[in-house]
C-alpha cells in the first residue's frame, strides 16, 4: 500500500484483533481496518477504496474505526495519523499497515499477503 507502509507488526502487544477490539466481527478470510477521523478528507476516499476492494473478495470485511472515539486502541496500535489502514489475516494478525490514502491496486496487493 502507498504511504508509510510497514510489514506485519504485532497488534501493539495485544496479539490478535478480534470482534471485541474491532467493534464488529472480522472478515472470514481477511479484514481491512481503517482508522479515520471526522474531518479527514483522505479518509472519505479511503473508505470508498476499501469498501470496493472488500466487495470484490469473498470473506473480506472493511471495518472503519473512529480514531477520536477509540483513543486507547489508537495508542495501543501506534496509530499516528488518519487514515491508517491495517490489513488483518483470518486470525486477526496485522500483516500490513500504511498511513495515508492508499491506491486501490496497492490495497489489493496487500490483501494478497493476508488471504
N, C-alpha and C. Protein backbone atom coordinates (compact mmCIF):
# COMPACT_ATOMS: atom_id res chain seq x y z
N UNK A 1 0.85 -1.17 0.00
CA UNK A 1 0.00 0.00 0.00
C UNK A 1 0.89 1.22 0.00
N UNK A 2 0.39 2.26 -0.56
CA UNK A 2 1.13 3.51 -0.65
C UNK A 2 1.11 4.21 0.71
N UNK A 3 2.04 5.09 0.94
CA UNK A 3 2.12 5.79 2.21
C UNK A 3 3.21 5.17 3.04
N UNK A 4 3.24 5.47 4.32
CA UNK A 4 4.23 4.88 5.21
C UNK A 4 3.81 3.45 5.49
N UNK A 5 4.31 2.53 4.68
CA UNK A 5 3.91 1.14 4.84
C UNK A 5 4.90 0.42 5.74
N UNK A 6 4.35 -0.45 6.54
CA UNK A 6 5.17 -1.28 7.40
C UNK A 6 4.65 -2.70 7.28
N UNK A 7 5.54 -3.65 7.40
CA UNK A 7 5.14 -5.05 7.33
C UNK A 7 4.34 -5.44 8.55
N UNK A 8 4.17 -6.72 8.72
CA UNK A 8 3.35 -7.21 9.82
C UNK A 8 3.94 -6.90 11.18
N UNK A 9 3.47 -5.88 11.81
CA UNK A 9 3.82 -5.60 13.19
C UNK A 9 2.75 -6.19 14.06
N UNK A 10 3.10 -6.59 15.23
CA UNK A 10 2.10 -7.15 16.14
C UNK A 10 1.00 -6.15 16.41
N UNK A 11 0.00 -6.60 17.08
CA UNK A 11 -1.15 -5.76 17.39
C UNK A 11 -0.87 -4.92 18.62
N UNK A 12 0.26 -4.22 18.62
CA UNK A 12 0.59 -3.36 19.74
C UNK A 12 0.72 -4.15 21.03
N UNK A 13 1.27 -5.37 20.92
CA UNK A 13 1.41 -6.20 22.09
C UNK A 13 0.12 -6.90 22.49
N UNK A 14 -0.91 -6.79 21.67
CA UNK A 14 -2.20 -7.37 22.00
C UNK A 14 -2.49 -8.64 21.22
N UNK A 15 -1.50 -9.19 20.53
CA UNK A 15 -1.72 -10.41 19.78
C UNK A 15 -2.64 -10.18 18.60
N UNK A 16 -3.79 -10.82 18.62
CA UNK A 16 -4.73 -10.74 17.52
C UNK A 16 -5.85 -9.74 17.81
N UNK A 17 -6.38 -9.18 16.74
CA UNK A 17 -7.52 -8.27 16.87
C UNK A 17 -8.78 -9.04 16.47
N UNK A 18 -9.72 -9.08 17.37
CA UNK A 18 -10.97 -9.77 17.11
C UNK A 18 -12.15 -8.82 17.22
N UNK A 19 -13.33 -9.39 17.33
CA UNK A 19 -14.56 -8.59 17.38
C UNK A 19 -14.57 -7.60 18.54
N UNK A 20 -14.03 -7.99 19.68
CA UNK A 20 -14.01 -7.09 20.85
C UNK A 20 -13.20 -5.83 20.57
N UNK A 21 -12.07 -5.98 19.90
CA UNK A 21 -11.21 -4.84 19.60
C UNK A 21 -11.70 -4.04 18.40
N UNK A 22 -12.33 -4.70 17.46
CA UNK A 22 -12.75 -4.06 16.21
C UNK A 22 -14.16 -3.48 16.28
N UNK A 23 -14.94 -3.90 17.24
CA UNK A 23 -16.30 -3.40 17.35
C UNK A 23 -17.31 -4.14 16.49
N UNK A 24 -16.86 -5.13 15.75
CA UNK A 24 -17.74 -6.00 14.95
C UNK A 24 -16.93 -7.21 14.51
N UNK A 25 -17.62 -8.18 13.96
CA UNK A 25 -16.95 -9.41 13.55
C UNK A 25 -15.98 -9.13 12.39
N UNK A 26 -14.77 -9.67 12.47
CA UNK A 26 -13.83 -9.51 11.36
C UNK A 26 -14.24 -10.37 10.17
N UNK A 27 -13.59 -10.15 9.04
CA UNK A 27 -13.87 -10.95 7.86
C UNK A 27 -13.42 -12.38 8.04
N UNK A 28 -14.05 -13.29 7.34
CA UNK A 28 -13.72 -14.70 7.42
C UNK A 28 -12.31 -14.98 6.91
N UNK A 29 -11.91 -14.30 5.83
CA UNK A 29 -10.60 -14.51 5.23
C UNK A 29 -9.61 -13.42 5.57
N UNK A 30 -10.09 -12.18 5.70
CA UNK A 30 -9.21 -11.04 5.99
C UNK A 30 -10.08 -9.84 6.35
N UNK A 31 -9.43 -8.82 6.92
CA UNK A 31 -10.14 -7.57 7.25
C UNK A 31 -9.28 -6.39 6.86
N UNK A 32 -9.94 -5.37 6.32
CA UNK A 32 -9.31 -4.09 6.02
C UNK A 32 -9.80 -3.12 7.09
N UNK A 33 -8.94 -2.78 8.04
CA UNK A 33 -9.33 -1.95 9.17
C UNK A 33 -8.82 -0.53 8.93
N UNK A 34 -9.73 0.40 8.92
CA UNK A 34 -9.41 1.81 8.63
C UNK A 34 -9.65 2.65 9.88
N UNK A 35 -8.62 3.36 10.32
CA UNK A 35 -8.76 4.35 11.39
C UNK A 35 -8.97 5.70 10.73
N UNK A 36 -10.09 6.36 11.08
CA UNK A 36 -10.48 7.62 10.45
C UNK A 36 -10.79 8.66 11.51
N UNK A 37 -10.90 9.90 11.05
CA UNK A 37 -11.40 10.98 11.90
C UNK A 37 -12.44 11.76 11.11
N UNK A 38 -13.29 12.48 11.82
CA UNK A 38 -14.48 13.10 11.24
C UNK A 38 -14.18 14.07 10.10
N UNK A 39 -13.16 14.88 10.22
CA UNK A 39 -12.93 15.92 9.21
C UNK A 39 -11.78 15.59 8.27
N UNK A 40 -11.46 14.34 8.14
CA UNK A 40 -10.33 13.87 7.32
C UNK A 40 -10.82 13.63 5.88
N UNK A 41 -10.41 14.48 4.95
CA UNK A 41 -10.79 14.31 3.54
C UNK A 41 -10.27 13.00 2.96
N UNK A 42 -8.97 12.67 3.14
CA UNK A 42 -8.48 11.40 2.58
C UNK A 42 -9.19 10.18 3.16
N UNK A 43 -9.75 10.31 4.36
CA UNK A 43 -10.48 9.18 4.97
C UNK A 43 -11.70 8.81 4.14
N UNK A 44 -12.36 9.78 3.56
CA UNK A 44 -13.55 9.51 2.74
C UNK A 44 -13.20 8.71 1.50
N UNK A 45 -12.12 9.13 0.83
CA UNK A 45 -11.69 8.40 -0.37
C UNK A 45 -11.19 7.00 0.01
N UNK A 46 -10.50 6.90 1.13
CA UNK A 46 -10.01 5.60 1.60
C UNK A 46 -11.19 4.67 1.91
N UNK A 47 -12.23 5.19 2.52
CA UNK A 47 -13.45 4.42 2.82
C UNK A 47 -14.01 3.81 1.54
N UNK A 48 -14.08 4.62 0.49
CA UNK A 48 -14.63 4.15 -0.79
C UNK A 48 -13.75 3.05 -1.38
N UNK A 49 -12.44 3.27 -1.39
CA UNK A 49 -11.50 2.30 -1.96
C UNK A 49 -11.57 0.97 -1.22
N UNK A 50 -11.53 1.03 0.12
CA UNK A 50 -11.55 -0.21 0.90
C UNK A 50 -12.88 -0.95 0.76
N UNK A 51 -13.98 -0.21 0.71
CA UNK A 51 -15.29 -0.84 0.53
C UNK A 51 -15.36 -1.54 -0.83
N UNK A 52 -14.81 -0.92 -1.87
CA UNK A 52 -14.80 -1.53 -3.20
C UNK A 52 -13.98 -2.82 -3.20
N UNK A 53 -12.80 -2.77 -2.59
CA UNK A 53 -11.95 -3.97 -2.56
C UNK A 53 -12.61 -5.07 -1.75
N UNK A 54 -13.17 -4.73 -0.59
CA UNK A 54 -13.83 -5.74 0.24
C UNK A 54 -14.99 -6.39 -0.51
N UNK A 55 -15.71 -5.61 -1.31
CA UNK A 55 -16.83 -6.15 -2.07
C UNK A 55 -16.36 -7.09 -3.19
N UNK A 56 -15.13 -6.92 -3.64
CA UNK A 56 -14.59 -7.74 -4.72
C UNK A 56 -14.14 -9.13 -4.26
N UNK A 57 -13.80 -9.26 -2.98
CA UNK A 57 -13.20 -10.50 -2.49
C UNK A 57 -14.09 -11.11 -1.40
N UNK A 58 -14.57 -12.32 -1.64
CA UNK A 58 -15.42 -13.00 -0.65
C UNK A 58 -14.66 -13.20 0.66
N UNK A 59 -15.35 -12.97 1.76
CA UNK A 59 -14.77 -13.21 3.08
C UNK A 59 -13.90 -12.09 3.61
N UNK A 60 -13.90 -10.94 2.91
CA UNK A 60 -13.10 -9.79 3.36
C UNK A 60 -14.05 -8.72 3.87
N UNK A 61 -13.75 -8.20 5.05
CA UNK A 61 -14.58 -7.15 5.66
C UNK A 61 -13.81 -5.83 5.68
N UNK A 62 -14.54 -4.75 5.48
CA UNK A 62 -14.00 -3.39 5.68
C UNK A 62 -14.57 -2.89 6.99
N UNK A 63 -13.69 -2.57 7.92
CA UNK A 63 -14.10 -2.11 9.24
C UNK A 63 -13.49 -0.74 9.47
N UNK A 64 -14.35 0.25 9.69
CA UNK A 64 -13.87 1.62 9.94
C UNK A 64 -14.00 1.93 11.42
N UNK A 65 -12.94 2.47 11.99
CA UNK A 65 -12.90 2.81 13.42
C UNK A 65 -12.64 4.30 13.55
N UNK A 66 -13.48 4.97 14.32
CA UNK A 66 -13.31 6.39 14.60
C UNK A 66 -12.15 6.55 15.58
N UNK A 67 -11.06 7.13 15.12
CA UNK A 67 -9.85 7.26 15.93
C UNK A 67 -10.08 8.10 17.18
N UNK A 68 -10.87 9.14 17.05
CA UNK A 68 -11.11 10.04 18.18
C UNK A 68 -11.91 9.38 19.30
N UNK A 69 -12.78 8.46 18.94
CA UNK A 69 -13.62 7.77 19.93
C UNK A 69 -12.96 6.52 20.49
N UNK A 70 -11.82 6.15 19.94
CA UNK A 70 -11.13 4.93 20.35
C UNK A 70 -9.66 5.19 20.66
N UNK A 71 -9.40 6.23 21.43
CA UNK A 71 -8.01 6.63 21.72
C UNK A 71 -7.17 5.53 22.38
N UNK A 72 -7.70 4.75 23.31
CA UNK A 72 -6.86 3.68 23.87
C UNK A 72 -6.37 2.69 22.80
N UNK A 73 -7.27 2.32 21.87
CA UNK A 73 -6.89 1.39 20.80
C UNK A 73 -5.88 2.05 19.86
N UNK A 74 -6.10 3.33 19.54
CA UNK A 74 -5.19 4.08 18.67
C UNK A 74 -3.79 4.10 19.28
N UNK A 75 -3.72 4.40 20.56
CA UNK A 75 -2.41 4.45 21.24
C UNK A 75 -1.76 3.08 21.29
N UNK A 76 -2.55 2.06 21.60
CA UNK A 76 -2.01 0.69 21.71
C UNK A 76 -1.43 0.20 20.38
N UNK A 77 -2.04 0.62 19.29
CA UNK A 77 -1.60 0.17 17.96
C UNK A 77 -0.60 1.13 17.32
N UNK A 78 -0.30 2.25 17.98
CA UNK A 78 0.67 3.19 17.42
C UNK A 78 0.15 3.94 16.20
N UNK A 79 -1.15 4.19 16.14
CA UNK A 79 -1.75 4.94 15.03
C UNK A 79 -1.40 6.41 15.25
N UNK A 80 -0.72 7.03 14.27
CA UNK A 80 -0.28 8.41 14.42
C UNK A 80 -1.03 9.40 13.54
N UNK A 81 -1.69 8.91 12.49
CA UNK A 81 -2.44 9.81 11.61
C UNK A 81 -3.59 9.06 10.97
N UNK A 82 -4.53 9.83 10.44
CA UNK A 82 -5.64 9.23 9.73
C UNK A 82 -5.59 9.69 8.28
N UNK A 83 -5.95 8.81 7.36
CA UNK A 83 -6.31 7.42 7.59
C UNK A 83 -5.07 6.55 7.79
N UNK A 84 -5.23 5.54 8.61
CA UNK A 84 -4.27 4.44 8.71
C UNK A 84 -5.06 3.18 8.44
N UNK A 85 -4.48 2.31 7.61
CA UNK A 85 -5.14 1.06 7.24
C UNK A 85 -4.31 -0.10 7.74
N UNK A 86 -4.98 -1.03 8.41
CA UNK A 86 -4.36 -2.28 8.83
C UNK A 86 -4.99 -3.41 8.03
N UNK A 87 -4.18 -4.30 7.51
CA UNK A 87 -4.68 -5.48 6.82
C UNK A 87 -4.47 -6.65 7.77
N UNK A 88 -5.57 -7.29 8.15
CA UNK A 88 -5.53 -8.42 9.07
C UNK A 88 -5.78 -9.72 8.33
N UNK A 89 -5.08 -10.77 8.73
CA UNK A 89 -5.36 -12.09 8.15
C UNK A 89 -6.57 -12.71 8.87
N UNK A 90 -6.90 -13.93 8.54
CA UNK A 90 -8.10 -14.57 9.10
C UNK A 90 -7.99 -14.79 10.61
N UNK A 91 -6.77 -14.81 11.13
CA UNK A 91 -6.56 -14.99 12.57
C UNK A 91 -6.53 -13.66 13.32
N UNK A 92 -6.67 -12.54 12.59
CA UNK A 92 -6.67 -11.23 13.23
C UNK A 92 -5.29 -10.64 13.43
N UNK A 93 -4.27 -11.24 12.82
CA UNK A 93 -2.90 -10.70 12.90
C UNK A 93 -2.71 -9.60 11.86
N UNK A 94 -2.00 -8.55 12.24
CA UNK A 94 -1.70 -7.47 11.30
C UNK A 94 -0.59 -7.93 10.37
N UNK A 95 -0.90 -7.99 9.07
CA UNK A 95 0.11 -8.40 8.09
C UNK A 95 0.65 -7.22 7.29
N UNK A 96 -0.10 -6.12 7.23
CA UNK A 96 0.35 -4.90 6.56
C UNK A 96 -0.31 -3.72 7.25
N UNK A 97 0.37 -2.57 7.20
CA UNK A 97 -0.22 -1.33 7.69
C UNK A 97 0.37 -0.19 6.90
N UNK A 98 -0.43 0.83 6.69
CA UNK A 98 0.03 2.01 5.95
C UNK A 98 -0.75 3.23 6.42
N UNK A 99 -0.05 4.35 6.49
CA UNK A 99 -0.69 5.62 6.84
C UNK A 99 -0.85 6.42 5.56
N UNK A 100 -1.96 7.13 5.45
CA UNK A 100 -2.23 7.91 4.25
C UNK A 100 -3.20 7.17 3.34
N UNK A 101 -3.68 7.88 2.33
CA UNK A 101 -4.66 7.29 1.42
C UNK A 101 -3.99 6.29 0.48
N UNK A 102 -4.45 5.04 0.48
CA UNK A 102 -3.84 4.03 -0.38
C UNK A 102 -4.41 4.06 -1.80
N UNK A 103 -3.66 3.49 -2.72
CA UNK A 103 -4.19 3.26 -4.07
C UNK A 103 -4.88 1.90 -4.08
N UNK A 104 -5.91 1.78 -4.88
CA UNK A 104 -6.68 0.54 -4.94
C UNK A 104 -5.80 -0.66 -5.26
N UNK A 105 -4.90 -0.52 -6.23
CA UNK A 105 -4.02 -1.62 -6.62
C UNK A 105 -3.13 -2.04 -5.46
N UNK A 106 -2.69 -1.09 -4.65
CA UNK A 106 -1.85 -1.40 -3.51
C UNK A 106 -2.61 -2.15 -2.42
N UNK A 107 -3.88 -1.79 -2.24
CA UNK A 107 -4.72 -2.49 -1.27
C UNK A 107 -4.92 -3.93 -1.70
N UNK A 108 -5.19 -4.13 -2.98
CA UNK A 108 -5.37 -5.49 -3.50
C UNK A 108 -4.10 -6.31 -3.31
N UNK A 109 -2.96 -5.71 -3.60
CA UNK A 109 -1.69 -6.43 -3.41
C UNK A 109 -1.44 -6.75 -1.95
N UNK A 110 -1.71 -5.81 -1.05
CA UNK A 110 -1.52 -6.04 0.38
C UNK A 110 -2.46 -7.12 0.89
N UNK A 111 -3.66 -7.15 0.34
CA UNK A 111 -4.64 -8.16 0.74
C UNK A 111 -4.14 -9.56 0.38
N UNK A 112 -3.36 -9.65 -0.70
CA UNK A 112 -2.79 -10.93 -1.09
C UNK A 112 -1.91 -11.54 -0.02
N UNK A 113 -1.29 -10.71 0.83
CA UNK A 113 -0.47 -11.20 1.92
C UNK A 113 -1.31 -11.79 3.05
N UNK A 114 -2.59 -11.45 3.07
CA UNK A 114 -3.46 -11.87 4.18
C UNK A 114 -4.31 -13.09 3.84
N UNK A 115 -4.62 -13.29 2.57
CA UNK A 115 -5.52 -14.41 2.22
C UNK A 115 -4.78 -15.58 1.63
